Protein backbone atom coordinates (compact mmCIF):
# COMPACT_ATOMS: atom_id res chain seq x y z
CA MET A 1 42.37 13.77 -4.36
CA ILE A 2 39.21 12.62 -6.15
CA GLN A 3 39.87 9.98 -8.80
CA ALA A 4 36.32 8.80 -9.56
CA VAL A 5 32.84 10.32 -9.60
CA ILE A 6 30.01 7.87 -8.92
CA PHE A 7 26.46 8.81 -9.89
CA ASP A 8 23.18 7.28 -8.91
CA LEU A 9 20.97 7.15 -12.00
CA GLY A 10 17.30 7.57 -11.02
CA ASN A 11 16.37 11.17 -10.19
CA VAL A 12 20.01 12.19 -10.30
CA VAL A 13 20.82 11.65 -13.98
CA ILE A 14 17.54 10.22 -15.32
CA PRO A 15 14.19 11.65 -14.22
CA PHE A 16 11.39 9.29 -13.22
CA ASP A 17 8.15 9.29 -11.28
CA PHE A 18 6.72 6.02 -9.96
CA ARG A 19 3.23 7.54 -9.93
CA ARG A 20 3.24 7.47 -13.73
CA GLY A 21 3.67 3.70 -13.62
CA TYR A 22 0.90 3.22 -11.07
CA ALA A 23 -1.45 5.37 -13.16
CA ALA A 24 -0.60 3.34 -16.26
CA MET A 25 -1.37 0.08 -14.43
CA GLU A 26 -4.66 1.26 -12.90
CA PRO A 27 -6.93 0.62 -15.93
CA HIS A 28 -5.65 -2.96 -16.18
CA CYS A 29 -6.11 -4.14 -12.59
CA ASP A 30 -8.56 -4.21 -9.69
CA TYR A 31 -6.88 -1.51 -7.61
CA PRO A 32 -6.66 2.28 -7.76
CA ALA A 33 -3.28 3.84 -8.49
CA THR A 34 -2.99 4.98 -4.86
CA GLU A 35 -3.30 1.38 -3.62
CA ILE A 36 -0.89 -0.21 -6.10
CA PRO A 37 2.42 0.80 -4.42
CA ARG A 38 1.33 -0.63 -1.06
CA ARG A 39 0.38 -3.91 -2.68
CA ILE A 40 3.66 -4.06 -4.59
CA ARG A 41 5.66 -3.40 -1.40
CA SER A 42 3.81 -6.15 0.47
CA THR A 43 5.05 -8.78 -2.00
CA GLY A 44 8.78 -8.08 -1.54
CA LEU A 45 9.12 -8.78 -5.26
CA VAL A 46 10.85 -5.55 -6.24
CA HIS A 47 13.77 -6.07 -3.86
CA ARG A 48 14.16 -9.63 -5.10
CA TYR A 49 14.05 -8.46 -8.69
CA GLU A 50 16.48 -5.59 -8.14
CA THR A 51 18.98 -7.93 -6.51
CA GLY A 52 18.81 -10.56 -9.23
CA GLN A 53 16.98 -13.18 -7.17
CA ILE A 54 14.18 -13.59 -9.70
CA GLU A 55 14.12 -13.52 -13.50
CA SER A 56 12.08 -10.96 -15.45
CA ARG A 57 9.32 -13.27 -16.64
CA ALA A 58 8.83 -14.83 -13.21
CA PHE A 59 8.75 -11.34 -11.66
CA VAL A 60 6.12 -10.20 -14.15
CA ASP A 61 4.00 -13.32 -13.62
CA GLU A 62 4.07 -12.99 -9.82
CA LEU A 63 3.42 -9.26 -9.79
CA CYS A 64 0.54 -9.58 -12.25
CA GLN A 65 -1.01 -12.21 -9.97
CA ALA A 66 -0.57 -9.99 -6.91
CA LEU A 67 -2.25 -7.04 -8.62
CA ASN A 68 -4.78 -9.01 -10.70
CA LEU A 69 -3.14 -7.28 -13.62
CA SER A 70 -4.47 -8.59 -16.95
CA VAL A 71 -1.74 -7.80 -19.49
CA THR A 72 0.77 -9.63 -21.65
CA PHE A 73 4.47 -9.63 -20.83
CA GLU A 74 5.09 -7.03 -23.54
CA GLN A 75 2.28 -4.81 -22.25
CA PHE A 76 3.63 -5.10 -18.72
CA CYS A 77 7.05 -3.94 -19.91
CA GLU A 78 5.46 -0.78 -21.30
CA LEU A 79 3.51 -0.11 -18.10
CA TRP A 80 6.52 -0.86 -15.89
CA SER A 81 8.66 1.61 -17.83
CA ALA A 82 6.05 4.39 -17.91
CA ILE A 83 7.85 5.92 -14.92
CA PHE A 84 10.54 7.50 -17.08
CA LEU A 85 10.49 11.14 -18.16
CA PRO A 86 12.38 12.56 -21.15
CA GLY A 87 15.74 14.27 -20.94
CA SER A 88 18.45 14.28 -18.31
CA LEU A 89 18.74 16.12 -15.00
CA ILE A 90 22.46 16.65 -15.62
CA PRO A 91 23.59 18.25 -18.88
CA GLN A 92 26.04 16.60 -21.23
CA SER A 93 28.37 19.55 -20.71
CA LEU A 94 29.12 18.40 -17.15
CA PHE A 95 30.00 14.90 -18.29
CA ASP A 96 32.21 16.43 -20.98
CA LYS A 97 34.14 18.28 -18.25
CA LEU A 98 34.47 15.23 -16.01
CA ARG A 99 34.98 12.32 -18.37
CA ASP A 100 38.65 12.83 -19.26
CA ARG A 101 39.70 13.69 -15.70
CA TYR A 102 37.85 11.07 -13.64
CA ARG A 103 36.54 7.54 -13.82
CA LEU A 104 32.78 7.89 -14.14
CA ILE A 105 30.71 5.13 -12.55
CA ALA A 106 26.93 4.65 -12.47
CA LEU A 107 25.76 2.96 -9.25
CA SER A 108 22.06 2.16 -9.33
CA ASN A 109 19.42 0.08 -7.63
CA THR A 110 17.58 -1.07 -10.74
CA ASN A 111 16.23 -4.08 -12.57
CA GLU A 112 16.60 -5.66 -15.98
CA LEU A 113 13.43 -4.24 -17.54
CA HIS A 114 14.01 -0.71 -16.31
CA PHE A 115 17.65 -0.71 -17.33
CA ARG A 116 16.76 -2.03 -20.77
CA GLN A 117 14.59 1.09 -21.16
CA VAL A 118 17.36 3.33 -19.87
CA ARG A 119 19.94 1.93 -22.26
CA ALA A 120 17.59 2.28 -25.23
CA ASN A 121 16.38 5.82 -24.53
CA TYR A 122 19.03 7.75 -22.62
CA PRO A 123 22.28 8.34 -24.55
CA VAL A 124 23.72 9.91 -21.39
CA ILE A 125 24.42 6.37 -20.14
CA GLY A 126 27.28 6.24 -22.63
CA ASN A 127 29.28 8.66 -20.49
CA PHE A 128 30.05 6.07 -17.83
CA HIS A 129 33.19 3.98 -17.84
CA HIS A 130 31.51 1.33 -15.68
CA LEU A 131 27.98 0.41 -14.61
CA VAL A 132 27.36 -1.10 -11.17
CA LEU A 133 23.75 -2.28 -11.24
CA SER A 134 22.07 -3.96 -8.29
CA TYR A 135 20.38 -6.70 -10.30
CA GLN A 136 23.74 -7.72 -11.76
CA VAL A 137 25.75 -7.38 -8.54
CA GLY A 138 23.14 -9.14 -6.38
CA ARG A 139 23.24 -6.37 -3.76
CA ALA A 140 21.39 -3.10 -3.41
CA LYS A 141 22.18 0.19 -1.74
CA PRO A 142 22.72 0.73 1.14
CA ASP A 143 24.43 -2.68 1.36
CA ARG A 144 28.15 -2.02 1.87
CA ARG A 145 29.09 -4.59 -0.76
CA ILE A 146 27.60 -2.68 -3.69
CA TYR A 147 29.66 0.40 -2.76
CA ASP A 148 32.73 -1.79 -2.52
CA GLU A 149 32.01 -3.06 -6.04
CA ALA A 150 31.82 0.51 -7.33
CA VAL A 151 35.14 1.36 -5.67
CA THR A 152 36.70 -1.71 -7.25
CA LYS A 153 35.48 -0.59 -10.67
CA ALA A 154 36.84 2.89 -9.99
CA GLY A 155 40.30 1.44 -9.36
CA CYS A 156 41.14 3.71 -6.44
CA ARG A 157 40.62 4.03 -2.69
CA PRO A 158 37.14 4.69 -1.24
CA GLU A 159 38.12 8.16 -0.06
CA GLU A 160 39.12 9.03 -3.63
CA CYS A 161 35.54 8.42 -4.82
CA PHE A 162 32.88 11.14 -4.86
CA PHE A 163 29.34 9.74 -4.76
CA ILE A 164 26.08 11.52 -5.64
CA ASP A 165 22.60 10.18 -4.75
CA ASP A 166 19.19 11.69 -4.05
CA VAL A 167 18.29 9.25 -1.25
CA PRO A 168 19.72 10.23 2.18
CA ALA A 169 20.05 6.60 3.35
CA TYR A 170 22.15 5.77 0.28
CA VAL A 171 24.38 8.79 0.86
CA GLU A 172 24.86 7.61 4.45
CA GLY A 173 25.68 4.13 3.18
CA ALA A 174 28.39 5.57 0.94
CA LEU A 175 29.86 7.63 3.77
CA SER A 176 29.92 4.53 5.97
CA ALA A 177 31.81 2.71 3.20
CA GLY A 178 34.46 5.45 3.23
CA LEU A 179 33.43 7.38 0.14
CA GLN A 180 32.95 11.12 -0.06
CA ALA A 181 29.26 11.66 -0.75
CA VAL A 182 26.59 14.31 -1.13
CA ARG A 183 22.84 14.31 -1.61
CA PHE A 184 21.61 15.49 -5.00
CA GLU A 185 18.92 18.17 -4.86
CA SER A 186 19.35 19.99 -8.17
CA TYR A 187 21.95 20.48 -10.87
CA SER A 188 22.84 23.96 -9.61
CA GLN A 189 23.33 22.60 -6.08
CA LEU A 190 25.47 19.77 -7.46
CA GLU A 191 27.73 22.23 -9.28
CA ILE A 192 28.33 24.02 -5.98
CA GLU A 193 29.18 20.73 -4.25
CA LEU A 194 31.54 19.68 -7.04
CA ARG A 195 33.41 22.98 -6.79
CA LYS A 196 33.47 22.80 -3.00
CA HIS A 197 35.09 19.37 -3.16
CA GLY A 198 37.56 20.35 -5.86
CA VAL A 199 36.00 18.16 -8.55
CA LEU A 200 35.30 21.14 -10.82
C-alpha cells in the first residue's frame, strides 16, 4: 500500500524553460543563446552546484568568467531565475486530496539560487511535508542515495513510495531503488496513473 507520494519539482509541479534563461543572458555576454548551454555544460559547474560542491557566489563568479558574462551577482540571480514560468502544472486540489492521506515529499535536482526563487514565488511548495534537494543532500538523481534519502524522509519502505518525474532516467533510477514510479507527461495522464496505482 502506498504511504508516500514523491514529486519531482521542475516541469512536474513547477513549469520552467531553460531557453528563457539563455535568452536573458545573451545580451550580457559574448555568445548567442543557442551556444550558451553547450558552454555551461562544458564547465561541469552546474552539477557541482546542484550537489553542494560549490557555494553560490563562487559558482556565479566561475560561470560569469566562462561565459564572459558582465553582470553583478544580483543581476545574475535574476537572469539565472528567468527560466521559471508562472503557475503550477498540478492544481492545489490534487494536493488537498493527497496531503492528509500520504506523506508528500519533493525530490529535486536543484540549486540554492533556483530554490530561493521557488520558495519565494510558488506557494505550492508549502504542500510538502519534506524537501529532499540535491544541493543540500550532496547527491543528484539518478544517484541511488538521493532516493534513499527521500524514502527515509517518507518513513516507510521503498515499495510504499510512489515517485513522479518527467525525466525517464530519473524514473528508472527510482525503480532501481525499489520505488514505484511513473513518468509525468501531463496532469490528466498523472491522474490516470494515480488511480491505476490506487493512490486516488
